């Protein structure tokens, strides 16, 4: 068994055990996740990611460890910004705090599958068509600039294509039915607003992946590093969401920092054949940008 095959096995075991513990054992019954529980699980997932990164350093070497850390930080920072969209979606559909964990649980499961498909397709395209790296670079640069200069857009889930399609294929109840996705009315199965919420969350994550996957591919094209860094970031989203709900002011300027990171990795991809930016320098830019924007957010929050 090669070194990378060993790490694939370790990764599968760690994620498999934690998946069952976090998503099934501890969230089996719908309940409101409090700040202390969210903080604990956030620390657990960050600690596991850093420990796994240490294992990559030991088994695969310094360069692979830096690639994983850079990919993890990019995905985590983009995820934090995306979670604010989830907050607006839950508010729009009036999803209670006790129902939100179930939505996030199934949203994470869907994200794990979709990200895997995106990664395989993205790496395949870049290896077969070199010009795709320029296309991804333009997309990231445009998204970064747009995010920095354009105010937050209002979320209008009712107008999204998946919601309109779902309304055409089956009836939708007007009110929630606990944490159920489907109910039977007069012998006919109908979807609940909770299913609509899940559809919108999954669609939003699909859109987010268009930015996040190319951004990680800017630092590495190793499928193992790209997928494992994505999964560790995604698996911590549920607890991170509830943690952010209590400390949103700490991240009021994070959106600007994320826009700078996207613009930077986009520019890096466009300049790939002209200038080689060392991975350590890229990691420094990512860490420095995140640290600066969080520090400014905390400082401004005290005024």
Protein backbone atom coordinates (compact mmCIF):
# COMPACT_ATOMS: atom_id res chain seq x y z
CA UNK A 1 0.00 0.00 0.00
CA UNK A 2 1.42 3.39 -1.06
CA UNK A 3 1.68 6.38 1.28
CA UNK A 4 -1.25 8.15 -0.35
CA UNK A 5 -3.40 5.01 -0.26
CA UNK A 6 -2.66 4.82 3.47
CA UNK A 7 -3.83 8.41 3.93
CA UNK A 8 -6.97 7.70 1.89
CA UNK A 9 -7.73 4.84 4.30
CA UNK A 10 -7.08 7.00 7.38
CA UNK A 11 -9.23 9.77 5.89
CA UNK A 12 -12.11 7.37 5.19
CA UNK A 13 -11.96 5.92 8.72
CA UNK A 14 -11.83 9.31 10.45
CA UNK A 15 -14.63 10.84 8.37
CA UNK A 16 -16.73 7.67 8.59
CA UNK A 17 -16.55 7.50 12.39
CA UNK A 18 -17.11 11.24 12.85
CA UNK A 19 -19.91 11.24 10.28
CA UNK A 20 -21.82 8.66 12.30
CA UNK A 21 -21.07 10.41 15.59
CA UNK A 22 -21.78 13.99 14.54
CA UNK A 23 -24.57 13.65 12.00
CA UNK A 24 -26.41 10.60 13.28
CA UNK A 25 -25.70 9.80 16.94
CA UNK A 26 -25.67 13.34 18.36
CA UNK A 27 -28.24 14.87 16.01
CA UNK A 28 -30.61 11.93 15.84
CA UNK A 29 -33.34 13.93 17.61
CA UNK A 30 -34.18 17.45 16.43
CA UNK A 31 -33.06 20.03 18.98
CA UNK A 32 -31.78 23.57 19.12
CA UNK A 33 -27.98 23.62 19.10
CA UNK A 34 -26.69 25.97 21.79
CA UNK A 35 -23.55 28.08 21.66
CA UNK A 36 -21.50 25.75 23.89
CA UNK A 37 -22.34 22.65 21.80
CA UNK A 38 -21.59 24.53 18.57
CA UNK A 39 -18.27 25.79 19.93
CA UNK A 40 -17.28 22.30 21.10
CA UNK A 41 -18.00 20.66 17.75
CA UNK A 42 -16.34 23.49 15.83
CA UNK A 43 -13.17 23.02 17.90
CA UNK A 44 -13.38 19.25 17.37
CA UNK A 45 -13.56 19.59 13.58
CA UNK A 46 -10.83 22.23 13.38
CA UNK A 47 -8.64 20.11 15.67
CA UNK A 48 -9.23 17.01 13.53
CA UNK A 49 -8.39 18.93 10.35
CA UNK A 50 -5.12 20.20 11.85
CA UNK A 51 -4.26 16.73 13.21
CA UNK A 52 -4.94 15.21 9.79
CA UNK A 53 -2.78 17.92 8.24
CA UNK A 54 0.00 16.84 10.61
CA UNK A 55 -0.45 13.27 9.39
CA UNK A 56 -0.15 14.43 5.79
CA UNK A 57 3.07 16.27 6.70
CA UNK A 58 4.49 13.12 8.28
CA UNK A 59 3.42 10.66 5.55
CA UNK A 60 3.30 12.71 2.33
CA UNK A 61 5.69 15.55 3.09
CA UNK A 62 5.90 19.30 3.60
CA UNK A 63 4.48 20.39 0.23
CA UNK A 64 1.33 18.24 0.45
CA UNK A 65 0.70 19.49 3.99
CA UNK A 66 0.87 23.11 2.82
CA UNK A 67 -1.48 22.31 -0.05
CA UNK A 68 -4.01 20.76 2.34
CA UNK A 69 -3.81 23.70 4.75
CA UNK A 70 -4.26 26.23 1.95
CA UNK A 71 -7.20 24.30 0.49
CA UNK A 72 -8.81 23.92 3.90
CA UNK A 73 -8.51 27.63 4.72
CA UNK A 74 -9.90 28.65 1.32
CA UNK A 75 -12.88 26.33 1.66
CA UNK A 76 -13.48 27.30 5.29
CA UNK A 77 -13.41 31.03 4.56
CA UNK A 78 -15.77 30.66 1.61
CA UNK A 79 -18.05 28.46 3.72
CA UNK A 80 -18.30 31.10 6.45
CA UNK A 81 -19.47 33.65 3.91
CA UNK A 82 -21.92 31.14 2.41
CA UNK A 83 -23.42 30.38 5.81
CA UNK A 84 -24.83 33.90 5.96
CA UNK A 85 -26.90 32.99 2.89
CA UNK A 86 -28.21 29.92 4.75
CA UNK A 87 -29.28 32.20 7.61
CA UNK A 88 -31.37 34.26 5.16
CA UNK A 89 -32.85 31.09 3.60
CA UNK A 90 -33.95 29.76 6.99
CA UNK A 91 -35.46 33.13 7.87
CA UNK A 92 -37.36 33.27 4.56
CA UNK A 93 -38.94 29.82 5.06
CA UNK A 94 -39.43 30.41 8.81
CA UNK A 95 -37.48 27.27 9.71
CA UNK A 96 -37.22 26.95 13.49
CA UNK A 97 -33.91 26.37 15.30
CA UNK A 98 -34.98 22.81 16.15
CA UNK A 99 -35.60 22.00 12.47
CA UNK A 100 -32.41 23.60 11.11
CA UNK A 101 -30.01 20.77 12.16
CA UNK A 102 -31.89 18.28 9.97
CA UNK A 103 -31.67 20.59 6.95
CA UNK A 104 -27.95 21.14 7.53
CA UNK A 105 -27.36 17.41 8.03
CA UNK A 106 -28.87 16.44 4.68
CA UNK A 107 -27.34 19.52 3.05
CA UNK A 108 -23.88 18.33 4.13
CA UNK A 109 -24.53 14.83 2.78
CA UNK A 110 -25.55 16.30 -0.58
CA UNK A 111 -22.53 18.62 -0.58
CA UNK A 112 -20.13 15.70 -0.04
CA UNK A 113 -21.48 13.98 -3.16
CA UNK A 114 -21.66 17.12 -5.32
CA UNK A 115 -18.16 18.30 -4.35
CA UNK A 116 -16.74 14.88 -5.25
CA UNK A 117 -18.30 15.10 -8.71
CA UNK A 118 -17.13 18.70 -9.19
CA UNK A 119 -13.57 17.83 -8.18
CA UNK A 120 -13.31 14.88 -10.57
CA UNK A 121 -14.76 16.91 -13.44
CA UNK A 122 -12.68 20.02 -12.64
CA UNK A 123 -9.37 18.17 -12.43
CA UNK A 124 -10.19 16.21 -15.58
CA UNK A 125 -10.94 19.38 -17.53
CA UNK A 126 -7.77 21.13 -16.37
CA UNK A 127 -5.59 18.14 -17.23
CA UNK A 128 -7.16 17.69 -20.66
CA UNK A 129 -7.65 21.35 -21.61
CA UNK A 130 -4.93 23.66 -20.30
CA UNK A 131 -6.94 26.74 -21.25
CA UNK A 132 -9.53 25.82 -18.60
CA UNK A 133 -7.18 27.21 -15.97
CA UNK A 134 -7.62 30.66 -17.56
CA UNK A 135 -11.40 30.26 -17.60
CA UNK A 136 -11.42 29.33 -13.91
CA UNK A 137 -9.09 32.24 -13.21
CA UNK A 138 -11.41 34.72 -14.92
CA UNK A 139 -14.44 33.33 -13.02
CA UNK A 140 -12.67 33.67 -9.65
CA UNK A 141 -11.31 37.13 -10.42
CA UNK A 142 -14.72 38.36 -11.57
CA UNK A 143 -16.46 36.84 -8.54
CA UNK A 144 -13.92 38.39 -6.16
CA UNK A 145 -14.29 41.88 -7.65
CA UNK A 146 -18.09 41.58 -7.80
CA UNK A 147 -18.23 40.47 -4.16
CA UNK A 148 -16.10 43.43 -3.06
CA UNK A 149 -17.93 46.21 -4.92
CA UNK A 150 -21.52 44.97 -5.04
CA UNK A 151 -23.79 45.07 -1.97
CA UNK A 152 -25.34 41.90 -0.63
CA UNK A 153 -28.12 40.60 -2.84
CA UNK A 154 -31.50 39.66 -1.40
CA UNK A 155 -32.25 35.95 -1.38
CA UNK A 156 -35.45 35.10 -3.28
CA UNK A 157 -35.82 31.31 -2.96
CA UNK A 158 -39.37 31.27 -4.33
CA UNK A 159 -38.10 32.41 -7.74
CA UNK A 160 -35.36 29.79 -8.04
CA UNK A 161 -35.67 27.20 -10.82
CA UNK A 162 -35.48 24.09 -8.54
CA UNK A 163 -38.33 25.41 -6.37
CA UNK A 164 -40.50 26.12 -9.42
CA UNK A 165 -39.79 22.64 -10.80
CA UNK A 166 -40.63 20.98 -7.49
CA UNK A 167 -43.94 22.86 -7.33
CA UNK A 168 -44.81 21.49 -10.78
CA UNK A 169 -44.16 17.83 -9.97
CA UNK A 170 -45.87 17.60 -6.57
CA UNK A 171 -48.11 19.59 -4.20
CA UNK A 172 -46.55 21.64 -1.39
CA UNK A 173 -48.18 22.13 2.00
CA UNK A 174 -48.62 25.67 3.31
CA UNK A 175 -47.37 24.95 6.81
CA UNK A 176 -44.53 22.97 8.39
CA UNK A 177 -45.15 19.46 9.74
CA UNK A 178 -42.49 19.14 12.41
CA UNK A 179 -39.21 17.97 10.87
CA UNK A 180 -40.87 15.94 8.10
CA UNK A 181 -40.05 16.44 4.41
CA UNK A 182 -43.20 14.67 3.15
CA UNK A 183 -46.75 14.20 4.46
CA UNK A 184 -49.75 12.27 3.14
CA UNK A 185 -52.92 14.31 2.60
CA UNK A 186 -56.12 12.61 1.40
CA UNK A 187 -54.09 9.71 0.08
CA UNK A 188 -51.66 11.94 -1.85
CA UNK A 189 -48.04 12.57 -0.85
CA UNK A 190 -47.08 16.22 -0.60
CA UNK A 191 -43.80 18.00 0.14
CA UNK A 192 -43.49 20.33 3.11
CA UNK A 193 -41.78 23.76 3.16
CA UNK A 194 -38.90 21.98 4.91
CA UNK A 195 -38.16 20.08 1.68
CA UNK A 196 -38.28 23.37 -0.25
CA UNK A 197 -35.71 24.74 2.17
CA UNK A 198 -33.44 21.74 1.62
CA UNK A 199 -33.72 22.12 -2.17
CA UNK A 200 -32.72 25.80 -1.95
CA UNK A 201 -29.80 25.04 0.40
CA UNK A 202 -28.50 22.31 -1.92
CA UNK A 203 -28.87 24.61 -4.94
CA UNK A 204 -27.00 27.36 -3.11
CA UNK A 205 -24.17 24.97 -2.26
CA UNK A 206 -23.97 23.92 -5.90
CA UNK A 207 -23.49 27.57 -6.86
CA UNK A 208 -20.90 28.04 -4.09
CA UNK A 209 -18.95 25.04 -5.38
CA UNK A 210 -18.44 26.83 -8.71
CA UNK A 211 -16.22 29.28 -6.80
CA UNK A 212 -14.71 27.09 -4.11
CA UNK A 213 -13.53 24.12 -6.19
CA UNK A 214 -11.59 26.19 -8.78
CA UNK A 215 -10.14 28.23 -5.89
CA UNK A 216 -8.70 25.09 -4.28
CA UNK A 217 -7.53 23.82 -7.68
CA UNK A 218 -5.42 26.98 -7.86
CA UNK A 219 -3.16 25.58 -5.12
CA UNK A 220 -3.26 21.86 -5.92
CA UNK A 221 -4.65 19.39 -8.45
CA UNK A 222 -4.13 16.35 -6.24
CA UNK A 223 -7.61 14.75 -5.92
CA UNK A 224 -6.84 13.49 -2.42
CA UNK A 225 -5.78 16.92 -1.13
CA UNK A 226 -8.63 18.75 -2.84
CA UNK A 227 -11.35 16.37 -1.64
CA UNK A 228 -10.05 15.80 1.89
CA UNK A 229 -9.61 19.54 2.55
CA UNK A 230 -13.12 20.17 1.21
CA UNK A 231 -14.66 17.42 3.30
CA UNK A 232 -13.06 18.54 6.57
CA UNK A 233 -14.32 22.07 5.96
CA UNK A 234 -17.82 20.92 4.96
CA UNK A 235 -18.25 18.49 7.87
CA UNK A 236 -17.73 21.32 10.33
CA UNK A 237 -20.34 23.56 8.71
CA UNK A 238 -23.27 22.50 10.89
CA UNK A 239 -21.60 23.50 14.16
CA UNK A 240 -19.97 26.52 12.55
CA UNK A 241 -23.37 27.78 11.42
CA UNK A 242 -24.68 27.90 14.99
CA UNK A 243 -21.46 29.40 16.26
CA UNK A 244 -21.74 32.21 13.69
CA UNK A 245 -25.33 32.88 14.70
CA UNK A 246 -23.98 34.05 18.06
CA UNK A 247 -20.84 35.90 16.90
CA UNK A 248 -21.85 37.37 13.52
CA UNK A 249 -20.31 40.75 14.36
CA UNK A 250 -16.87 39.12 14.46
CA UNK A 251 -17.16 38.44 10.72
CA UNK A 252 -18.80 41.61 9.44
CA UNK A 253 -15.81 42.35 7.13
CA UNK A 254 -15.05 38.73 6.23
CA UNK A 255 -16.89 39.09 2.91
CA UNK A 256 -14.29 41.65 1.78
CA UNK A 257 -11.48 39.34 2.85
CA UNK A 258 -13.01 36.42 0.94
CA UNK A 259 -13.31 38.63 -2.15
CA UNK A 260 -9.58 39.43 -1.92
CA UNK A 261 -8.71 35.74 -1.62
CA UNK A 262 -10.84 34.85 -4.65
CA UNK A 263 -9.28 37.67 -6.68
CA UNK A 264 -5.79 36.56 -5.61
CA UNK A 265 -6.23 32.89 -6.57
CA UNK A 266 -7.93 33.96 -9.80
CA UNK A 267 -4.96 36.17 -10.69
CA UNK A 268 -2.61 33.32 -9.74
CA UNK A 269 -4.34 31.00 -12.20
CA UNK A 270 -4.20 33.61 -14.98
CA UNK A 271 -0.47 34.14 -14.38
CA UNK A 272 0.34 30.45 -14.02
CA UNK A 273 2.44 30.30 -17.23
CA UNK A 274 4.22 33.61 -16.54
CA UNK A 275 4.93 33.77 -12.82
CA UNK A 276 5.21 30.91 -10.34
CA UNK A 277 3.91 32.04 -6.95
CA UNK A 278 5.30 29.74 -4.23
CA UNK A 279 2.71 27.82 -2.25
CA UNK A 280 4.08 29.20 1.02
CA UNK A 281 3.53 32.75 -0.28
CA UNK A 282 -0.05 31.89 -1.32
CA UNK A 283 -0.72 30.43 2.10
CA UNK A 284 0.69 33.58 3.69
CA UNK A 285 -1.67 35.77 1.65
CA UNK A 286 -4.68 33.62 2.61
CA UNK A 287 -3.85 33.50 6.33
CA UNK A 288 -2.89 37.17 6.45
CA UNK A 289 -6.09 38.28 4.70
CA UNK A 290 -8.32 36.22 6.99
CA UNK A 291 -6.50 37.38 10.14
CA UNK A 292 -6.65 41.03 9.07
CA UNK A 293 -10.36 41.04 8.18
CA UNK A 294 -11.33 39.24 11.40
CA UNK A 295 -9.16 41.63 13.46
CA UNK A 296 -10.77 44.65 11.80
CA UNK A 297 -14.24 43.15 12.35
CA UNK A 298 -13.54 42.65 16.08
CA UNK A 299 -12.06 46.15 16.41
CA UNK A 300 -14.98 47.81 14.63
CA UNK A 301 -17.43 45.74 16.64
CA UNK A 302 -16.19 47.34 19.84
CA UNK A 303 -16.95 50.87 18.63
